């Protein structure tokens, strides 16, 4: 479950771009990946947008929420032929699991 830690007891009208930037820096200092922080910010943005769409509106102003650059380079993919060669060498009880993992893109991490 994603948690937006910086909100705490903060009123929604006090959420601002500088506060969001402070939060981003705090999370970076704690060692979190850009992608993790972006998912948290996406949840915040969604909450604010949903609040703005209520009648009466619960959110009057949605601050600018910056996104961090993500490095989505994937490594270590099996080509289909490599997958088939691996599957041939597996015991039967692992074939279904490995096939599922291959087709859904599961990774060790």
PDB file of N, CA and C in Angstrom:
ATOM      1  N   UNK A   1       0.842  -1.184   0.000  1.00  0.00           N
ATOM      2  CA  UNK A   1       0.000   0.000   0.000  1.00  0.00           C
ATOM      3  C   UNK A   1       0.883   1.242   0.000  1.00  0.00           C
ATOM      4  N   UNK A   2       0.600   2.160  -0.898  1.00  0.00           N
ATOM      5  CA  UNK A   2       1.360   3.398  -0.974  1.00  0.00           C
ATOM      6  C   UNK A   2       0.890   4.346   0.120  1.00  0.00           C
ATOM      7  N   UNK A   3       1.835   4.952   0.812  1.00  0.00           N
ATOM      8  CA  UNK A   3       1.495   5.909   1.848  1.00  0.00           C
ATOM      9  C   UNK A   3       2.158   7.236   1.524  1.00  0.00           C
ATOM     10  N   UNK A   4       1.425   8.311   1.676  1.00  0.00           N
ATOM     11  CA  UNK A   4       1.968   9.646   1.475  1.00  0.00           C
ATOM     12  C   UNK A   4       2.309  10.181   2.856  1.00  0.00           C
ATOM     13  N   UNK A   5       3.551   9.984   3.260  1.00  0.00           N
ATOM     14  CA  UNK A   5       3.956  10.285   4.625  1.00  0.00           C
ATOM     15  C   UNK A   5       3.934  11.770   4.952  1.00  0.00           C
ATOM     16  N   UNK A   6       4.231  12.625   3.999  1.00  0.00           N
ATOM     17  CA  UNK A   6       4.387  14.032   4.353  1.00  0.00           C
ATOM     18  C   UNK A   6       3.069  14.695   4.690  1.00  0.00           C
ATOM     19  N   UNK A   7       1.948  14.141   4.283  1.00  0.00           N
ATOM     20  CA  UNK A   7       0.673  14.779   4.563  1.00  0.00           C
ATOM     21  C   UNK A   7       0.366  14.793   6.051  1.00  0.00           C
ATOM     22  N   UNK A   8       0.578  13.662   6.719  1.00  0.00           N
ATOM     23  CA  UNK A   8       0.342  13.606   8.156  1.00  0.00           C
ATOM     24  C   UNK A   8      -0.919  14.332   8.559  1.00  0.00           C
ATOM     25  N   UNK A   9      -0.797  15.349   9.374  1.00  0.00           N
ATOM     26  CA  UNK A   9      -1.936  16.148   9.822  1.00  0.00           C
ATOM     27  C   UNK A   9      -2.097  17.424   9.005  1.00  0.00           C
ATOM     28  N   UNK A  10      -1.382  17.515   7.886  1.00  0.00           N
ATOM     29  CA  UNK A  10      -1.427  18.715   7.058  1.00  0.00           C
ATOM     30  C   UNK A  10      -2.805  18.851   6.396  1.00  0.00           C
ATOM     31  N   UNK A  11      -3.343  20.052   6.427  1.00  0.00           N
ATOM     32  CA  UNK A  11      -4.588  20.318   5.727  1.00  0.00           C
ATOM     33  C   UNK A  11      -4.312  20.364   4.232  1.00  0.00           C
ATOM     34  N   UNK A  12      -5.277  19.947   3.446  1.00  0.00           N
ATOM     35  CA  UNK A  12      -5.079  19.865   2.007  1.00  0.00           C
ATOM     36  C   UNK A  12      -4.772  21.231   1.405  1.00  0.00           C
ATOM     37  N   UNK A  13      -5.292  22.306   1.987  1.00  0.00           N
ATOM     38  CA  UNK A  13      -5.011  23.642   1.459  1.00  0.00           C
ATOM     39  C   UNK A  13      -3.564  24.050   1.693  1.00  0.00           C
ATOM     40  N   UNK A  14      -2.862  23.353   2.592  1.00  0.00           N
ATOM     41  CA  UNK A  14      -1.458  23.661   2.866  1.00  0.00           C
ATOM     42  C   UNK A  14      -0.494  22.874   1.978  1.00  0.00           C
ATOM     43  N   UNK A  15      -1.012  21.944   1.187  1.00  0.00           N
ATOM     44  CA  UNK A  15      -0.167  21.181   0.265  1.00  0.00           C
ATOM     45  C   UNK A  15       0.211  22.107  -0.876  1.00  0.00           C
ATOM     46  N   UNK A  16       1.503  22.269  -1.092  1.00  0.00           N
ATOM     47  CA  UNK A  16       1.989  23.187  -2.127  1.00  0.00           C
ATOM     48  C   UNK A  16       3.157  22.540  -2.863  1.00  0.00           C
ATOM     49  N   UNK A  17       3.521  23.123  -3.990  1.00  0.00           N
ATOM     50  CA  UNK A  17       4.657  22.604  -4.758  1.00  0.00           C
ATOM     51  C   UNK A  17       5.936  22.608  -3.924  1.00  0.00           C
ATOM     52  N   UNK A  18       6.259  23.668  -3.164  1.00  0.00           N
ATOM     53  CA  UNK A  18       7.466  23.605  -2.331  1.00  0.00           C
ATOM     54  C   UNK A  18       7.411  22.468  -1.296  1.00  0.00           C
ATOM     55  N   UNK A  19       6.238  22.223  -0.699  1.00  0.00           N
ATOM     56  CA  UNK A  19       6.107  21.121   0.266  1.00  0.00           C
ATOM     57  C   UNK A  19       6.311  19.777  -0.424  1.00  0.00           C
ATOM     58  N   UNK A  20       5.805  19.651  -1.626  1.00  0.00           N
ATOM     59  CA  UNK A  20       5.961  18.421  -2.390  1.00  0.00           C
ATOM     60  C   UNK A  20       7.432  18.214  -2.738  1.00  0.00           C
ATOM     61  N   UNK A  21       8.124  19.274  -3.111  1.00  0.00           N
ATOM     62  CA  UNK A  21       9.559  19.169  -3.419  1.00  0.00           C
ATOM     63  C   UNK A  21      10.360  18.779  -2.178  1.00  0.00           C
ATOM     64  N   UNK A  22       9.966  19.297  -1.009  1.00  0.00           N
ATOM     65  CA  UNK A  22      10.613  18.885   0.245  1.00  0.00           C
ATOM     66  C   UNK A  22      10.413  17.391   0.472  1.00  0.00           C
ATOM     67  N   UNK A  23       9.205  16.931   0.232  1.00  0.00           N
ATOM     68  CA  UNK A  23       8.888  15.514   0.387  1.00  0.00           C
ATOM     69  C   UNK A  23       9.738  14.655  -0.551  1.00  0.00           C
ATOM     70  N   UNK A  24       9.844  15.099  -1.805  1.00  0.00           N
ATOM     71  CA  UNK A  24      10.656  14.358  -2.780  1.00  0.00           C
ATOM     72  C   UNK A  24      12.093  14.250  -2.291  1.00  0.00           C
ATOM     73  N   UNK A  25      12.664  15.353  -1.830  1.00  0.00           N
ATOM     74  CA  UNK A  25      14.053  15.341  -1.356  1.00  0.00           C
ATOM     75  C   UNK A  25      14.208  14.433  -0.142  1.00  0.00           C
ATOM     76  N   UNK A  26      13.240  14.461   0.758  1.00  0.00           N
ATOM     77  CA  UNK A  26      13.265  13.597   1.947  1.00  0.00           C
ATOM     78  C   UNK A  26      13.278  12.127   1.536  1.00  0.00           C
ATOM     79  N   UNK A  27      12.411  11.762   0.595  1.00  0.00           N
ATOM     80  CA  UNK A  27      12.331  10.366   0.158  1.00  0.00           C
ATOM     81  C   UNK A  27      13.610   9.952  -0.584  1.00  0.00           C
ATOM     82  N   UNK A  28      14.181  10.849  -1.384  1.00  0.00           N
ATOM     83  CA  UNK A  28      15.444  10.552  -2.058  1.00  0.00           C
ATOM     84  C   UNK A  28      16.551  10.326  -1.027  1.00  0.00           C
ATOM     85  N   UNK A  29      16.587  11.164   0.006  1.00  0.00           N
ATOM     86  CA  UNK A  29      17.591  11.022   1.062  1.00  0.00           C
ATOM     87  C   UNK A  29      17.422   9.715   1.827  1.00  0.00           C
ATOM     88  N   UNK A  30      16.197   9.211   1.889  1.00  0.00           N
ATOM     89  CA  UNK A  30      15.931   7.935   2.560  1.00  0.00           C
ATOM     90  C   UNK A  30      16.292   6.744   1.673  1.00  0.00           C
ATOM     91  N   UNK A  31      16.673   7.011   0.424  1.00  0.00           N
ATOM     92  CA  UNK A  31      17.136   5.945  -0.464  1.00  0.00           C
ATOM     93  C   UNK A  31      16.074   5.341  -1.358  1.00  0.00           C
ATOM     94  N   UNK A  32      14.915   5.959  -1.449  1.00  0.00           N
ATOM     95  CA  UNK A  32      13.864   5.413  -2.299  1.00  0.00           C
ATOM     96  C   UNK A  32      14.135   5.736  -3.757  1.00  0.00           C
ATOM     97  N   UNK A  33      13.721   4.830  -4.641  1.00  0.00           N
ATOM     98  CA  UNK A  33      13.925   4.991  -6.080  1.00  0.00           C
ATOM     99  C   UNK A  33      12.971   6.031  -6.637  1.00  0.00           C
ATOM    100  N   UNK A  34      13.379   6.659  -7.737  1.00  0.00           N
ATOM    101  CA  UNK A  34      12.536   7.646  -8.397  1.00  0.00           C
ATOM    102  C   UNK A  34      11.165   7.074  -8.745  1.00  0.00           C
ATOM    103  N   UNK A  35      11.137   5.830  -9.217  1.00  0.00           N
ATOM    104  CA  UNK A  35       9.866   5.213  -9.597  1.00  0.00           C
ATOM    105  C   UNK A  35       8.942   5.076  -8.393  1.00  0.00           C
ATOM    106  N   UNK A  36       9.482   4.725  -7.242  1.00  0.00           N
ATOM    107  CA  UNK A  36       8.680   4.594  -6.023  1.00  0.00           C
ATOM    108  C   UNK A  36       8.084   5.940  -5.643  1.00  0.00           C
ATOM    109  N   UNK A  37       8.906   6.973  -5.676  1.00  0.00           N
ATOM    110  CA  UNK A  37       8.443   8.316  -5.321  1.00  0.00           C
ATOM    111  C   UNK A  37       7.391   8.785  -6.317  1.00  0.00           C
ATOM    112  N   UNK A  38       7.594   8.516  -7.596  1.00  0.00           N
ATOM    113  CA  UNK A  38       6.609   8.906  -8.607  1.00  0.00           C
ATOM    114  C   UNK A  38       5.267   8.216  -8.381  1.00  0.00           C
ATOM    115  N   UNK A  39       5.268   6.950  -7.956  1.00  0.00           N
ATOM    116  CA  UNK A  39       4.003   6.256  -7.672  1.00  0.00           C
ATOM    117  C   UNK A  39       3.290   6.901  -6.488  1.00  0.00           C
ATOM    118  N   UNK A  40       4.076   7.300  -5.479  1.00  0.00           N
ATOM    119  CA  UNK A  40       3.477   7.985  -4.328  1.00  0.00           C
ATOM    120  C   UNK A  40       2.869   9.318  -4.751  1.00  0.00           C
ATOM    121  N   UNK A  41       3.584  10.054  -5.580  1.00  0.00           N
ATOM    122  CA  UNK A  41       3.086  11.349  -6.052  1.00  0.00           C
ATOM    123  C   UNK A  41       1.870  11.179  -6.952  1.00  0.00           C
ATOM    124  N   UNK A  42       1.842  10.088  -7.719  1.00  0.00           N
ATOM    125  CA  UNK A  42       0.676   9.812  -8.557  1.00  0.00           C
ATOM    126  C   UNK A  42      -0.554   9.568  -7.680  1.00  0.00           C
ATOM    127  N   UNK A  43      -0.371   8.890  -6.552  1.00  0.00           N
ATOM    128  CA  UNK A  43      -1.488   8.657  -5.633  1.00  0.00           C
ATOM    129  C   UNK A  43      -1.978   9.991  -5.059  1.00  0.00           C
ATOM    130  N   UNK A  44      -1.043  10.862  -4.699  1.00  0.00           N
ATOM    131  CA  UNK A  44      -1.412  12.178  -4.182  1.00  0.00           C
ATOM    132  C   UNK A  44      -2.179  12.972  -5.239  1.00  0.00           C
ATOM    133  N   UNK A  45      -1.669  12.968  -6.462  1.00  0.00           N
ATOM    134  CA  UNK A  45      -2.317  13.693  -7.550  1.00  0.00           C
ATOM    135  C   UNK A  45      -3.735  13.166  -7.774  1.00  0.00           C
ATOM    136  N   UNK A  46      -3.884  11.844  -7.709  1.00  0.00           N
ATOM    137  CA  UNK A  46      -5.202  11.233  -7.899  1.00  0.00           C
ATOM    138  C   UNK A  46      -6.156  11.661  -6.775  1.00  0.00           C
ATOM    139  N   UNK A  47      -5.659  11.656  -5.536  1.00  0.00           N
ATOM    140  CA  UNK A  47      -6.497  12.075  -4.408  1.00  0.00           C
ATOM    141  C   UNK A  47      -6.969  13.517  -4.594  1.00  0.00           C
ATOM    142  N   UNK A  48      -6.046  14.380  -4.981  1.00  0.00           N
ATOM    143  CA  UNK A  48      -6.401  15.787  -5.176  1.00  0.00           C
ATOM    144  C   UNK A  48      -7.427  15.954  -6.302  1.00  0.00           C
ATOM    145  N   UNK A  49      -7.221  15.231  -7.403  1.00  0.00           N
ATOM    146  CA  UNK A  49      -8.154  15.321  -8.526  1.00  0.00           C
ATOM    147  C   UNK A  49      -9.533  14.794  -8.154  1.00  0.00           C
ATOM    148  N   UNK A  50      -9.587  13.708  -7.395  1.00  0.00           N
ATOM    149  CA  UNK A  50     -10.881  13.189  -6.954  1.00  0.00           C
ATOM    150  C   UNK A  50     -11.575  14.178  -6.023  1.00  0.00           C
ATOM    151  N   UNK A  51     -10.803  14.811  -5.143  1.00  0.00           N
ATOM    152  CA  UNK A  51     -11.371  15.816  -4.253  1.00  0.00           C
ATOM    153  C   UNK A  51     -11.907  17.011  -5.012  1.00  0.00           C
ATOM    154  N   UNK A  52     -11.244  17.375  -6.086  1.00  0.00           N
ATOM    155  CA  UNK A  52     -11.682  18.521  -6.883  1.00  0.00           C
ATOM    156  C   UNK A  52     -12.956  18.210  -7.660  1.00  0.00           C
ATOM    157  N   UNK A  53     -13.200  16.941  -7.946  1.00  0.00           N
ATOM    158  CA  UNK A  53     -14.366  16.552  -8.745  1.00  0.00           C
ATOM    159  C   UNK A  53     -15.630  16.348  -7.908  1.00  0.00           C
ATOM    160  N   UNK A  54     -15.533  16.495  -6.602  1.00  0.00           N
ATOM    161  CA  UNK A  54     -16.695  16.307  -5.729  1.00  0.00           C
ATOM    162  C   UNK A  54     -17.619  17.509  -5.802  1.00  0.00           C
ATOM    163  N   UNK A  55     -18.876  17.289  -5.447  1.00  0.00           N
ATOM    164  CA  UNK A  55     -19.839  18.380  -5.372  1.00  0.00           C
ATOM    165  C   UNK A  55     -20.379  18.422  -3.954  1.00  0.00           C
ATOM    166  N   UNK A  56     -20.098  19.439  -3.175  1.00  0.00           N
ATOM    167  CA  UNK A  56     -19.218  20.563  -3.501  1.00  0.00           C
ATOM    168  C   UNK A  56     -17.759  20.113  -3.498  1.00  0.00           C
ATOM    169  N   UNK A  57     -16.942  20.871  -4.201  1.00  0.00           N
ATOM    170  CA  UNK A  57     -15.524  20.553  -4.341  1.00  0.00           C
ATOM    171  C   UNK A  57     -14.825  20.544  -2.985  1.00  0.00           C
ATOM    172  N   UNK A  58     -14.043  19.506  -2.736  1.00  0.00           N
ATOM    173  CA  UNK A  58     -13.258  19.404  -1.497  1.00  0.00           C
ATOM    174  C   UNK A  58     -11.865  19.985  -1.679  1.00  0.00           C
ATOM    175  N   UNK A  59     -11.440  20.169  -2.919  1.00  0.00           N
ATOM    176  CA  UNK A  59     -10.121  20.721  -3.247  1.00  0.00           C
ATOM    177  C   UNK A  59     -10.332  21.835  -4.254  1.00  0.00           C
ATOM    178  N   UNK A  60      -9.875  23.024  -3.911  1.00  0.00           N
ATOM    179  CA  UNK A  60     -10.055  24.184  -4.786  1.00  0.00           C
ATOM    180  C   UNK A  60      -8.896  24.315  -5.767  1.00  0.00           C
ATOM    181  N   UNK A  61      -7.672  24.095  -5.269  1.00  0.00           N
ATOM    182  CA  UNK A  61      -6.468  24.307  -6.083  1.00  0.00           C
ATOM    183  C   UNK A  61      -5.595  23.062  -6.012  1.00  0.00           C
ATOM    184  N   UNK A  62      -5.181  22.571  -7.165  1.00  0.00           N
ATOM    185  CA  UNK A  62      -4.267  21.431  -7.230  1.00  0.00           C
ATOM    186  C   UNK A  62      -2.889  21.969  -7.587  1.00  0.00           C
ATOM    187  N   UNK A  63      -1.914  21.830  -6.678  1.00  0.00           N
ATOM    188  CA  UNK A  63      -0.580  22.364  -6.963  1.00  0.00           C
ATOM    189  C   UNK A  63       0.125  21.543  -8.046  1.00  0.00           C
ATOM    190  N   UNK A  64       1.118  22.151  -8.653  1.00  0.00           N
ATOM    191  CA  UNK A  64       1.964  21.439  -9.608  1.00  0.00           C
ATOM    192  C   UNK A  64       2.725  20.362  -8.841  1.00  0.00           C
ATOM    193  N   UNK A  65       2.672  19.144  -9.354  1.00  0.00           N
ATOM    194  CA  UNK A  65       3.374  18.021  -8.726  1.00  0.00           C
ATOM    195  C   UNK A  65       4.404  17.515  -9.734  1.00  0.00           C
ATOM    196  N   UNK A  66       5.694  17.798  -9.491  1.00  0.00           N
ATOM    197  CA  UNK A  66       6.728  17.378 -10.446  1.00  0.00           C
ATOM    198  C   UNK A  66       6.935  15.863 -10.397  1.00  0.00           C
ATOM    199  N   UNK A  67       7.435  15.325 -11.485  1.00  0.00           N
ATOM    200  CA  UNK A  67       7.785  13.899 -11.561  1.00  0.00           C
ATOM    201  C   UNK A  67       9.292  13.779 -11.724  1.00  0.00           C
ATOM    202  N   UNK A  68       9.828  12.717 -11.175  1.00  0.00           N
ATOM    203  CA  UNK A  68      11.254  12.444 -11.315  1.00  0.00           C
ATOM    204  C   UNK A  68      11.491  11.587 -12.547  1.00  0.00           C
ATOM    205  N   UNK A  69      12.660  11.722 -13.132  1.00  0.00           N
ATOM    206  CA  UNK A  69      13.021  10.908 -14.282  1.00  0.00           C
ATOM    207  C   UNK A  69      13.248   9.476 -13.812  1.00  0.00           C
ATOM    208  N   UNK A  70      12.706   8.529 -14.558  1.00  0.00           N
ATOM    209  CA  UNK A  70      12.864   7.120 -14.227  1.00  0.00           C
ATOM    210  C   UNK A  70      13.740   6.433 -15.265  1.00  0.00           C
ATOM    211  N   UNK A  71      14.588   5.548 -14.790  1.00  0.00           N
ATOM    212  CA  UNK A  71      15.412   4.732 -15.679  1.00  0.00           C
ATOM    213  C   UNK A  71      14.765   3.360 -15.733  1.00  0.00           C
ATOM    214  N   UNK A  72      14.027   3.127 -16.809  1.00  0.00           N
ATOM    215  CA  UNK A  72      13.277   1.879 -16.931  1.00  0.00           C
ATOM    216  C   UNK A  72      13.972   0.843 -17.805  1.00  0.00           C
ATOM    217  N   UNK A  73      15.283   0.933 -17.911  1.00  0.00           N
ATOM    218  CA  UNK A  73      15.998  -0.029 -18.735  1.00  0.00           C
ATOM    219  C   UNK A  73      15.919  -1.414 -18.094  1.00  0.00           C
ATOM    220  N   UNK A  74      15.417  -2.358 -18.837  1.00  0.00           N
ATOM    221  CA  UNK A  74      15.301  -3.725 -18.348  1.00  0.00           C
ATOM    222  C   UNK A  74      16.448  -4.553 -18.910  1.00  0.00           C
ATOM    223  N   UNK A  75      16.958  -5.434 -18.102  1.00  0.00           N
ATOM    224  CA  UNK A  75      18.046  -6.304 -18.528  1.00  0.00           C
ATOM    225  C   UNK A  75      17.689  -7.740 -18.213  1.00  0.00           C
ATOM    226  N   UNK A  76      18.323  -8.657 -18.933  1.00  0.00           N
ATOM    227  CA  UNK A  76      18.209 -10.061 -18.594  1.00  0.00           C
ATOM    228  C   UNK A  76      16.977 -10.758 -19.133  1.00  0.00           C
ATOM    229  N   UNK A  77      16.389 -10.255 -20.205  1.00  0.00           N
ATOM    230  CA  UNK A  77      15.221 -10.918 -20.764  1.00  0.00           C
ATOM    231  C   UNK A  77      15.634 -12.163 -21.515  1.00  0.00           C
ATOM    232  N   UNK A  78      14.804 -13.178 -21.427  1.00  0.00           N
ATOM    233  CA  UNK A  78      14.984 -14.394 -22.223  1.00  0.00           C
ATOM    234  C   UNK A  78      14.364 -14.165 -23.585  1.00  0.00           C
ATOM    235  N   UNK A  79      15.050 -14.594 -24.607  1.00  0.00           N
ATOM    236  CA  UNK A  79      14.413 -14.701 -25.909  1.00  0.00           C
ATOM    237  C   UNK A  79      13.557 -15.959 -25.867  1.00  0.00           C
ATOM    238  N   UNK A  80      12.602 -16.058 -26.764  1.00  0.00           N
ATOM    239  CA  UNK A  80      11.677 -17.189 -26.720  1.00  0.00           C
ATOM    240  C   UNK A  80      12.405 -18.527 -26.842  1.00  0.00           C
ATOM    241  N   UNK A  81      13.386 -18.589 -27.712  1.00  0.00           N
ATOM    242  CA  UNK A  81      14.145 -19.834 -27.876  1.00  0.00           C
ATOM    243  C   UNK A  81      14.896 -20.221 -26.604  1.00  0.00           C
ATOM    244  N   UNK A  82      15.442 -19.221 -25.913  1.00  0.00           N
ATOM    245  CA  UNK A  82      16.130 -19.482 -24.638  1.00  0.00           C
ATOM    246  C   UNK A  82      15.150 -19.991 -23.584  1.00  0.00           C
ATOM    247  N   UNK A  83      13.954 -19.412 -23.576  1.00  0.00           N
ATOM    248  CA  UNK A  83      12.924 -19.867 -22.644  1.00  0.00           C
ATOM    249  C   UNK A  83      12.567 -21.326 -22.911  1.00  0.00           C
ATOM    250  N   UNK A  84      12.387 -21.688 -24.184  1.00  0.00           N
ATOM    251  CA  UNK A  84      12.042 -23.064 -24.523  1.00  0.00           C
ATOM    252  C   UNK A  84      13.151 -24.033 -24.113  1.00  0.00           C
ATOM    253  N   UNK A  85      14.411 -23.619 -24.316  1.00  0.00           N
ATOM    254  CA  UNK A  85      15.533 -24.478 -23.923  1.00  0.00           C
ATOM    255  C   UNK A  85      15.546 -24.680 -22.411  1.00  0.00           C
ATOM    256  N   UNK A  86      15.296 -23.631 -21.652  1.00  0.00           N
ATOM    257  CA  UNK A  86      15.234 -23.746 -20.196  1.00  0.00           C
ATOM    258  C   UNK A  86      14.078 -24.640 -19.779  1.00  0.00           C
ATOM    259  N   UNK A  87      12.932 -24.428 -20.382  1.00  0.00           N
ATOM    260  CA  UNK A  87      11.741 -25.200 -20.019  1.00  0.00           C
ATOM    261  C   UNK A  87      11.950 -26.699 -20.256  1.00  0.00           C
ATOM    262  N   UNK A  88      12.675 -27.050 -21.303  1.00  0.00           N
ATOM    263  CA  UNK A  88      12.947 -28.464 -21.586  1.00  0.00           C
ATOM    264  C   UNK A  88      13.789 -29.113 -20.496  1.00  0.00           C
ATOM    265  N   UNK A  89      14.618 -28.334 -19.812  1.00  0.00           N
ATOM    266  CA  UNK A  89      15.516 -28.875 -18.794  1.00  0.00           C
ATOM    267  C   UNK A  89      14.910 -28.859 -17.391  1.00  0.00           C
ATOM    268  N   UNK A  90      13.745 -28.231 -17.236  1.00  0.00           N
ATOM    269  CA  UNK A  90      13.121 -28.126 -15.918  1.00  0.00           C
ATOM    270  C   UNK A  90      12.349 -29.383 -15.546  1.00  0.00           C
ATOM    271  N   UNK A  91      12.289 -29.695 -14.251  1.00  0.00           N
ATOM    272  CA  UNK A  91      11.403 -30.770 -13.815  1.00  0.00           C
ATOM    273  C   UNK A  91       9.946 -30.356 -14.065  1.00  0.00           C
ATOM    274  N   UNK A  92       9.071 -31.306 -14.246  1.00  0.00           N
ATOM    275  CA  UNK A  92       7.682 -31.013 -14.627  1.00  0.00           C
ATOM    276  C   UNK A  92       6.964 -30.131 -13.610  1.00  0.00           C
ATOM    277  N   UNK A  93       7.279 -30.258 -12.314  1.00  0.00           N
ATOM    278  CA  UNK A  93       6.574 -29.479 -11.302  1.00  0.00           C
ATOM    279  C   UNK A  93       6.922 -27.976 -11.365  1.00  0.00           C
ATOM    280  N   UNK A  94       8.004 -27.599 -12.054  1.00  0.00           N
ATOM    281  CA  UNK A  94       8.373 -26.191 -12.179  1.00  0.00           C
ATOM    282  C   UNK A  94       7.935 -25.562 -13.500  1.00  0.00           C
ATOM    283  N   UNK A  95       7.586 -26.374 -14.478  1.00  0.00           N
ATOM    284  CA  UNK A  95       7.292 -25.846 -15.815  1.00  0.00           C
ATOM    285  C   UNK A  95       6.133 -24.854 -15.818  1.00  0.00           C
ATOM    286  N   UNK A  96       5.067 -25.145 -15.119  1.00  0.00           N
ATOM    287  CA  UNK A  96       3.923 -24.238 -15.087  1.00  0.00           C
ATOM    288  C   UNK A  96       4.282 -22.909 -14.447  1.00  0.00           C
ATOM    289  N   UNK A  97       4.995 -22.956 -13.328  1.00  0.00           N
ATOM    290  CA  UNK A  97       5.386 -21.737 -12.630  1.00  0.00           C
ATOM    291  C   UNK A  97       6.310 -20.887 -13.495  1.00  0.00           C
ATOM    292  N   UNK A  98       7.309 -21.508 -14.102  1.00  0.00           N
ATOM    293  CA  UNK A  98       8.269 -20.761 -14.925  1.00  0.00           C
ATOM    294  C   UNK A  98       7.588 -20.197 -16.170  1.00  0.00           C
ATOM    295  N   UNK A  99       6.660 -20.951 -16.744  1.00  0.00           N
ATOM    296  CA  UNK A  99       5.907 -20.451 -17.899  1.00  0.00           C
ATOM    297  C   UNK A  99       5.089 -19.233 -17.509  1.00  0.00           C
ATOM    298  N   UNK A 100       4.430 -19.304 -16.360  1.00  0.00           N
ATOM    299  CA  UNK A 100       3.663 -18.158 -15.867  1.00  0.00           C
ATOM    300  C   UNK A 100       4.581 -16.956 -15.655  1.00  0.00           C
ATOM    301  N   UNK A 101       5.718 -17.179 -15.012  1.00  0.00           N
ATOM    302  CA  UNK A 101       6.663 -16.092 -14.747  1.00  0.00           C
ATOM    303  C   UNK A 101       7.152 -15.470 -16.052  1.00  0.00           C
ATOM    304  N   UNK A 102       7.456 -16.291 -17.024  1.00  0.00           N
ATOM    305  CA  UNK A 102       7.944 -15.792 -18.318  1.00  0.00           C
ATOM    306  C   UNK A 102       6.874 -14.959 -19.022  1.00  0.00           C
ATOM    307  N   UNK A 103       5.650 -15.460 -19.060  1.00  0.00           N
ATOM    308  CA  UNK A 103       4.588 -14.781 -19.808  1.00  0.00           C
ATOM    309  C   UNK A 103       4.100 -13.512 -19.126  1.00  0.00           C
ATOM    310  N   UNK A 104       4.264 -13.419 -17.822  1.00  0.00           N
ATOM    311  CA  UNK A 104       3.804 -12.225 -17.111  1.00  0.00           C
ATOM    312  C   UNK A 104       4.935 -11.241 -16.815  1.00  0.00           C
ATOM    313  N   UNK A 105       6.173 -11.619 -17.137  1.00  0.00           N
ATOM    314  CA  UNK A 105       7.301 -10.705 -16.938  1.00  0.00           C
ATOM    315  C   UNK A 105       7.783 -10.616 -15.509  1.00  0.00           C
ATOM    316  N   UNK A 106       7.540 -11.642 -14.719  1.00  0.00           N
ATOM    317  CA  UNK A 106       8.011 -11.628 -13.325  1.00  0.00           C
ATOM    318  C   UNK A 106       9.516 -11.556 -13.278  1.00  0.00           C
ATOM    319  N   UNK A 107      10.012 -10.833 -12.263  1.00  0.00           N
ATOM    320  CA  UNK A 107      11.443 -10.723 -12.022  1.00  0.00           C
ATOM    321  C   UNK A 107      11.722 -11.145 -10.609  1.00  0.00           C
ATOM    322  N   UNK A 108      12.976 -11.431 -10.317  1.00  0.00           N
ATOM    323  CA  UNK A 108      13.376 -11.834  -8.978  1.00  0.00           C
ATOM    324  C   UNK A 108      13.087 -10.715  -7.988  1.00  0.00           C
ATOM    325  N   UNK A 109      13.326  -9.474  -8.395  1.00  0.00           N
ATOM    326  CA  UNK A 109      13.125  -8.333  -7.486  1.00  0.00           C
ATOM    327  C   UNK A 109      11.665  -8.029  -7.327  1.00  0.00           C
TER     328      UNK A 109
END
